[in-house]
Amino acid sequence: MKTDKSLTWASEQNNDKITLRLAGELSRDTLLPLWSQRASFLPEEKSQIQTLYWDLTDVARVDSAGFALLCDFIRHCQKVMKQETSIILHNAPRQLLTLADLFGLSDWIATFVQSDGNDKWKRKK
């Protein structure tokens, strides 16, 4: 039985904050539409945005391609936004941190991860 893989997103700008909500699978099978429309939600050069908030609460699955794309988006934002801008990954799925471990990026990705306290994203000791 083939399952329907999908990824939906919505972005909203409120003053100096951009919120991007992702839902579904962040995988190689679902990334092309997100990549094609990235200019509609990623900040441009010299942006006055103070906070870029990625809400990953409803992301059900992340594969290595999805992880790579998310890392690319974060690096883009770091390059074009002011240094004091906050980039937040809210409620990142455990798969995201597992992939960060595998690629040696745990410390880097951890600087962006924020949880609502539900322990969903915390690494096991």
N, C-alpha and C. Protein backbone atom coordinates (compact mmCIF):
# COMPACT_ATOMS: atom_id res chain seq x y z
N MET A 1 0.84 -1.18 0.00
CA MET A 1 0.00 0.00 0.00
C MET A 1 0.89 1.24 0.00
N LYS A 2 0.63 2.15 -0.89
CA LYS A 2 1.40 3.38 -0.99
C LYS A 2 0.74 4.47 -0.14
N THR A 3 1.54 5.11 0.68
CA THR A 3 1.01 6.19 1.51
C THR A 3 1.18 7.52 0.79
N ASP A 4 0.31 8.44 1.06
CA ASP A 4 0.36 9.76 0.47
C ASP A 4 1.35 10.62 1.25
N LYS A 5 2.46 10.95 0.61
CA LYS A 5 3.47 11.79 1.25
C LYS A 5 3.20 13.23 0.84
N SER A 6 3.15 14.10 1.83
CA SER A 6 2.91 15.49 1.50
C SER A 6 3.60 16.39 2.51
N LEU A 7 3.81 17.60 2.08
CA LEU A 7 4.38 18.64 2.93
C LEU A 7 3.59 19.91 2.66
N THR A 8 3.10 20.51 3.70
CA THR A 8 2.42 21.80 3.56
C THR A 8 3.16 22.81 4.41
N TRP A 9 3.02 24.06 4.03
CA TRP A 9 3.64 25.13 4.80
C TRP A 9 2.83 26.40 4.68
N ALA A 10 2.99 27.22 5.68
CA ALA A 10 2.35 28.53 5.69
C ALA A 10 3.33 29.49 6.32
N SER A 11 3.41 30.68 5.78
CA SER A 11 4.30 31.68 6.37
C SER A 11 3.49 32.93 6.68
N GLU A 12 3.95 33.61 7.69
CA GLU A 12 3.27 34.82 8.11
C GLU A 12 4.32 35.79 8.66
N GLN A 13 4.20 37.04 8.27
CA GLN A 13 5.11 38.05 8.79
C GLN A 13 4.32 39.00 9.67
N ASN A 14 4.83 39.22 10.86
CA ASN A 14 4.20 40.12 11.81
C ASN A 14 5.29 41.05 12.33
N ASN A 15 5.28 42.28 11.87
CA ASN A 15 6.31 43.26 12.21
C ASN A 15 7.68 42.70 11.86
N ASP A 16 8.52 42.44 12.85
CA ASP A 16 9.89 42.00 12.58
C ASP A 16 10.08 40.50 12.80
N LYS A 17 9.01 39.73 12.70
CA LYS A 17 9.08 38.28 12.91
C LYS A 17 8.42 37.55 11.73
N ILE A 18 9.12 36.55 11.21
CA ILE A 18 8.55 35.65 10.21
C ILE A 18 8.34 34.31 10.89
N THR A 19 7.14 33.76 10.75
CA THR A 19 6.84 32.42 11.25
C THR A 19 6.56 31.53 10.05
N LEU A 20 7.26 30.41 10.00
CA LEU A 20 7.03 29.43 8.94
C LEU A 20 6.62 28.12 9.61
N ARG A 21 5.42 27.65 9.28
CA ARG A 21 4.90 26.40 9.85
C ARG A 21 4.95 25.32 8.78
N LEU A 22 5.64 24.23 9.11
CA LEU A 22 5.72 23.09 8.21
C LEU A 22 4.89 21.95 8.79
N ALA A 23 4.25 21.18 7.92
CA ALA A 23 3.46 20.02 8.37
C ALA A 23 3.59 18.91 7.34
N GLY A 24 3.76 17.70 7.83
CA GLY A 24 3.86 16.54 6.95
C GLY A 24 5.27 15.99 6.93
N GLU A 25 5.70 15.52 5.76
CA GLU A 25 7.01 14.92 5.60
C GLU A 25 7.98 15.88 4.95
N LEU A 26 9.11 16.08 5.58
CA LEU A 26 10.19 16.88 5.03
C LEU A 26 11.18 15.87 4.45
N SER A 27 10.91 15.44 3.21
CA SER A 27 11.67 14.35 2.61
C SER A 27 11.93 14.63 1.13
N ARG A 28 12.80 13.82 0.55
CA ARG A 28 13.16 14.04 -0.86
C ARG A 28 11.95 13.99 -1.77
N ASP A 29 10.91 13.29 -1.36
CA ASP A 29 9.71 13.17 -2.18
C ASP A 29 8.79 14.39 -2.10
N THR A 30 9.04 15.27 -1.14
CA THR A 30 8.12 16.40 -0.93
C THR A 30 8.79 17.77 -1.02
N LEU A 31 10.09 17.82 -1.28
CA LEU A 31 10.84 19.08 -1.15
C LEU A 31 10.74 20.04 -2.33
N LEU A 32 10.53 19.54 -3.52
CA LEU A 32 10.60 20.40 -4.70
C LEU A 32 9.68 21.61 -4.63
N PRO A 33 8.41 21.48 -4.27
CA PRO A 33 7.56 22.67 -4.18
C PRO A 33 8.05 23.69 -3.14
N LEU A 34 8.55 23.20 -2.01
CA LEU A 34 9.07 24.10 -0.98
C LEU A 34 10.29 24.84 -1.51
N TRP A 35 11.20 24.13 -2.17
CA TRP A 35 12.40 24.74 -2.74
C TRP A 35 12.00 25.77 -3.81
N SER A 36 11.04 25.43 -4.64
CA SER A 36 10.62 26.32 -5.73
C SER A 36 10.02 27.62 -5.22
N GLN A 37 9.40 27.59 -4.05
CA GLN A 37 8.73 28.79 -3.52
C GLN A 37 9.50 29.45 -2.38
N ARG A 38 10.76 29.09 -2.20
CA ARG A 38 11.53 29.60 -1.06
C ARG A 38 11.64 31.12 -1.04
N ALA A 39 11.64 31.76 -2.20
CA ALA A 39 11.75 33.22 -2.23
C ALA A 39 10.54 33.89 -1.59
N SER A 40 9.42 33.18 -1.49
CA SER A 40 8.22 33.78 -0.91
C SER A 40 8.26 33.81 0.62
N PHE A 41 9.15 33.03 1.24
CA PHE A 41 9.17 33.02 2.71
C PHE A 41 10.55 33.25 3.32
N LEU A 42 11.62 33.09 2.56
CA LEU A 42 12.95 33.36 3.11
C LEU A 42 13.26 34.85 3.01
N PRO A 43 13.87 35.41 4.04
CA PRO A 43 14.18 36.84 4.00
C PRO A 43 15.22 37.16 2.92
N GLU A 44 15.12 38.39 2.44
CA GLU A 44 16.05 38.85 1.42
C GLU A 44 17.23 39.55 2.08
N GLU A 45 18.20 39.89 1.26
CA GLU A 45 19.39 40.61 1.71
C GLU A 45 19.00 41.86 2.50
N LYS A 46 19.73 42.10 3.57
CA LYS A 46 19.55 43.28 4.42
C LYS A 46 18.15 43.36 5.04
N SER A 47 17.59 42.24 5.33
CA SER A 47 16.26 42.18 5.93
C SER A 47 16.27 42.77 7.33
N GLN A 48 15.16 43.39 7.71
CA GLN A 48 15.02 43.96 9.06
C GLN A 48 14.37 42.98 10.03
N ILE A 49 14.19 41.75 9.60
CA ILE A 49 13.58 40.73 10.44
C ILE A 49 14.47 40.46 11.65
N GLN A 50 13.85 40.41 12.83
CA GLN A 50 14.58 40.13 14.07
C GLN A 50 14.47 38.66 14.48
N THR A 51 13.37 38.00 14.09
CA THR A 51 13.16 36.61 14.48
C THR A 51 12.62 35.82 13.29
N LEU A 52 13.26 34.70 13.02
CA LEU A 52 12.77 33.75 12.03
C LEU A 52 12.42 32.49 12.80
N TYR A 53 11.13 32.17 12.85
CA TYR A 53 10.59 31.12 13.72
C TYR A 53 10.07 29.99 12.85
N TRP A 54 10.73 28.85 12.89
CA TRP A 54 10.31 27.67 12.14
C TRP A 54 9.53 26.77 13.09
N ASP A 55 8.23 26.63 12.88
CA ASP A 55 7.41 25.77 13.72
C ASP A 55 7.35 24.39 13.06
N LEU A 56 8.03 23.42 13.68
CA LEU A 56 8.13 22.07 13.14
C LEU A 56 7.26 21.08 13.90
N THR A 57 6.34 21.59 14.70
CA THR A 57 5.49 20.75 15.54
C THR A 57 4.78 19.66 14.75
N ASP A 58 4.31 19.97 13.55
CA ASP A 58 3.52 19.01 12.77
C ASP A 58 4.31 18.28 11.69
N VAL A 59 5.64 18.33 11.78
CA VAL A 59 6.46 17.56 10.85
C VAL A 59 6.52 16.12 11.34
N ALA A 60 6.04 15.21 10.52
CA ALA A 60 5.94 13.80 10.91
C ALA A 60 7.21 13.02 10.62
N ARG A 61 7.98 13.47 9.63
CA ARG A 61 9.16 12.71 9.22
C ARG A 61 10.16 13.64 8.56
N VAL A 62 11.45 13.39 8.81
CA VAL A 62 12.53 14.13 8.16
C VAL A 62 13.54 13.11 7.66
N ASP A 63 13.92 13.20 6.39
CA ASP A 63 15.00 12.35 5.91
C ASP A 63 16.23 13.22 5.65
N SER A 64 17.29 12.62 5.14
CA SER A 64 18.54 13.37 4.97
C SER A 64 18.40 14.52 3.98
N ALA A 65 17.58 14.36 2.95
CA ALA A 65 17.36 15.45 2.00
C ALA A 65 16.61 16.60 2.66
N GLY A 66 15.62 16.29 3.47
CA GLY A 66 14.89 17.33 4.20
C GLY A 66 15.79 18.04 5.19
N PHE A 67 16.64 17.29 5.87
CA PHE A 67 17.59 17.88 6.81
C PHE A 67 18.55 18.82 6.07
N ALA A 68 19.07 18.37 4.93
CA ALA A 68 20.00 19.19 4.16
C ALA A 68 19.33 20.48 3.69
N LEU A 69 18.09 20.38 3.23
CA LEU A 69 17.37 21.58 2.78
C LEU A 69 17.16 22.55 3.93
N LEU A 70 16.75 22.05 5.08
CA LEU A 70 16.54 22.92 6.23
C LEU A 70 17.85 23.59 6.64
N CYS A 71 18.95 22.84 6.63
CA CYS A 71 20.27 23.43 6.94
C CYS A 71 20.63 24.51 5.93
N ASP A 72 20.34 24.27 4.65
CA ASP A 72 20.61 25.26 3.61
C ASP A 72 19.80 26.53 3.85
N PHE A 73 18.54 26.39 4.21
CA PHE A 73 17.70 27.55 4.51
C PHE A 73 18.26 28.33 5.71
N ILE A 74 18.69 27.61 6.75
CA ILE A 74 19.24 28.28 7.93
C ILE A 74 20.51 29.05 7.56
N ARG A 75 21.41 28.42 6.79
CA ARG A 75 22.65 29.09 6.37
C ARG A 75 22.33 30.32 5.52
N HIS A 76 21.36 30.21 4.64
CA HIS A 76 20.96 31.37 3.84
C HIS A 76 20.54 32.52 4.75
N CYS A 77 19.72 32.21 5.74
CA CYS A 77 19.23 33.24 6.66
C CYS A 77 20.36 33.85 7.47
N GLN A 78 21.31 33.03 7.88
CA GLN A 78 22.46 33.55 8.61
C GLN A 78 23.27 34.52 7.76
N LYS A 79 23.34 34.26 6.48
CA LYS A 79 24.12 35.12 5.58
C LYS A 79 23.44 36.45 5.30
N VAL A 80 22.13 36.45 5.13
CA VAL A 80 21.44 37.66 4.69
C VAL A 80 20.84 38.49 5.82
N MET A 81 20.74 37.93 7.01
CA MET A 81 20.11 38.66 8.11
C MET A 81 21.17 39.21 9.05
N LYS A 82 20.76 40.19 9.85
CA LYS A 82 21.67 40.77 10.83
C LYS A 82 22.10 39.72 11.84
N GLN A 83 23.30 39.89 12.38
CA GLN A 83 23.85 38.91 13.30
C GLN A 83 23.00 38.71 14.54
N GLU A 84 22.32 39.75 15.00
CA GLU A 84 21.51 39.64 16.22
C GLU A 84 20.13 39.01 15.96
N THR A 85 19.85 38.62 14.74
CA THR A 85 18.59 37.97 14.41
C THR A 85 18.53 36.58 15.03
N SER A 86 17.37 36.23 15.59
CA SER A 86 17.17 34.91 16.17
C SER A 86 16.55 33.98 15.13
N ILE A 87 17.14 32.81 14.99
CA ILE A 87 16.58 31.75 14.16
C ILE A 87 16.20 30.63 15.12
N ILE A 88 14.92 30.27 15.11
CA ILE A 88 14.40 29.30 16.07
C ILE A 88 13.75 28.14 15.33
N LEU A 89 14.13 26.92 15.71
CA LEU A 89 13.47 25.70 15.24
C LEU A 89 12.64 25.20 16.41
N HIS A 90 11.34 25.40 16.34
CA HIS A 90 10.45 25.06 17.45
C HIS A 90 9.92 23.64 17.29
N ASN A 91 10.06 22.84 18.35
CA ASN A 91 9.56 21.46 18.38
C ASN A 91 10.08 20.62 17.22
N ALA A 92 11.38 20.65 17.04
CA ALA A 92 12.00 19.83 16.00
C ALA A 92 11.79 18.35 16.28
N PRO A 93 11.46 17.56 15.26
CA PRO A 93 11.29 16.12 15.48
C PRO A 93 12.62 15.46 15.84
N ARG A 94 12.54 14.38 16.56
CA ARG A 94 13.74 13.65 17.00
C ARG A 94 14.60 13.25 15.80
N GLN A 95 13.99 12.92 14.67
CA GLN A 95 14.76 12.53 13.48
C GLN A 95 15.72 13.63 13.05
N LEU A 96 15.32 14.88 13.24
CA LEU A 96 16.18 15.99 12.85
C LEU A 96 17.46 15.98 13.68
N LEU A 97 17.36 15.76 14.99
CA LEU A 97 18.55 15.72 15.83
C LEU A 97 19.37 14.46 15.59
N THR A 98 18.72 13.37 15.26
CA THR A 98 19.45 12.15 14.92
C THR A 98 20.30 12.38 13.68
N LEU A 99 19.71 13.01 12.67
CA LEU A 99 20.46 13.33 11.45
C LEU A 99 21.58 14.32 11.75
N ALA A 100 21.33 15.29 12.61
CA ALA A 100 22.39 16.23 12.99
C ALA A 100 23.56 15.48 13.63
N ASP A 101 23.26 14.50 14.48
CA ASP A 101 24.31 13.67 15.08
C ASP A 101 25.10 12.93 13.99
N LEU A 102 24.39 12.33 13.06
CA LEU A 102 25.05 11.55 12.00
C LEU A 102 25.97 12.40 11.13
N PHE A 103 25.58 13.66 10.91
CA PHE A 103 26.37 14.54 10.06
C PHE A 103 27.35 15.41 10.84
N GLY A 104 27.44 15.21 12.15
CA GLY A 104 28.36 15.99 12.97
C GLY A 104 27.94 17.44 13.15
N LEU A 105 26.64 17.70 13.09
CA LEU A 105 26.13 19.06 13.19
C LEU A 105 25.28 19.28 14.44
N SER A 106 25.40 18.40 15.42
CA SER A 106 24.56 18.49 16.63
C SER A 106 24.73 19.82 17.35
N ASP A 107 25.97 20.23 17.57
CA ASP A 107 26.20 21.48 18.30
C ASP A 107 25.65 22.68 17.54
N TRP A 108 25.83 22.68 16.22
CA TRP A 108 25.34 23.79 15.41
C TRP A 108 23.82 23.85 15.44
N ILE A 109 23.16 22.73 15.19
CA ILE A 109 21.69 22.72 15.12
C ILE A 109 21.08 23.00 16.48
N ALA A 110 21.76 22.57 17.55
CA ALA A 110 21.24 22.78 18.91
C ALA A 110 21.11 24.26 19.25
N THR A 111 21.89 25.12 18.61
CA THR A 111 21.79 26.55 18.89
C THR A 111 20.47 27.15 18.42
N PHE A 112 19.74 26.44 17.56
CA PHE A 112 18.48 26.93 17.02
C PHE A 112 17.25 26.26 17.63
N VAL A 113 17.44 25.10 18.25
CA VAL A 113 16.32 24.27 18.70
C VAL A 113 15.69 24.83 19.97
N GLN A 114 14.37 24.90 19.94
CA GLN A 114 13.57 25.34 21.08
C GLN A 114 12.39 24.38 21.20
N SER A 115 12.02 24.07 22.43
CA SER A 115 10.91 23.15 22.67
C SER A 115 9.86 23.81 23.52
N ASP A 116 8.64 23.31 23.42
CA ASP A 116 7.59 23.81 24.31
C ASP A 116 7.55 22.99 25.60
N GLY A 117 8.60 22.19 25.82
CA GLY A 117 8.71 21.43 27.06
C GLY A 117 8.19 20.02 26.98
N ASN A 118 7.83 19.57 25.79
CA ASN A 118 7.25 18.23 25.68
C ASN A 118 8.27 17.13 25.47
N ASP A 119 9.56 17.45 25.52
CA ASP A 119 10.64 16.46 25.45
C ASP A 119 10.75 15.80 24.08
N LYS A 120 9.99 16.25 23.09
CA LYS A 120 9.98 15.64 21.77
C LYS A 120 11.36 15.70 21.11
N TRP A 121 12.08 16.78 21.32
CA TRP A 121 13.32 17.00 20.59
C TRP A 121 14.56 16.67 21.37
N LYS A 122 14.46 16.45 22.65
CA LYS A 122 15.66 16.28 23.47
C LYS A 122 16.37 14.98 23.14
N ARG A 123 17.69 15.08 23.11
CA ARG A 123 18.52 13.93 22.85
C ARG A 123 18.56 13.03 24.07
N LYS A 124 18.53 11.74 23.84
CA LYS A 124 18.65 10.80 24.95
C LYS A 124 20.10 10.77 25.40
N LYS A 125 20.30 10.67 26.70
CA LYS A 125 21.66 10.63 27.27
C LYS A 125 22.22 9.23 27.15
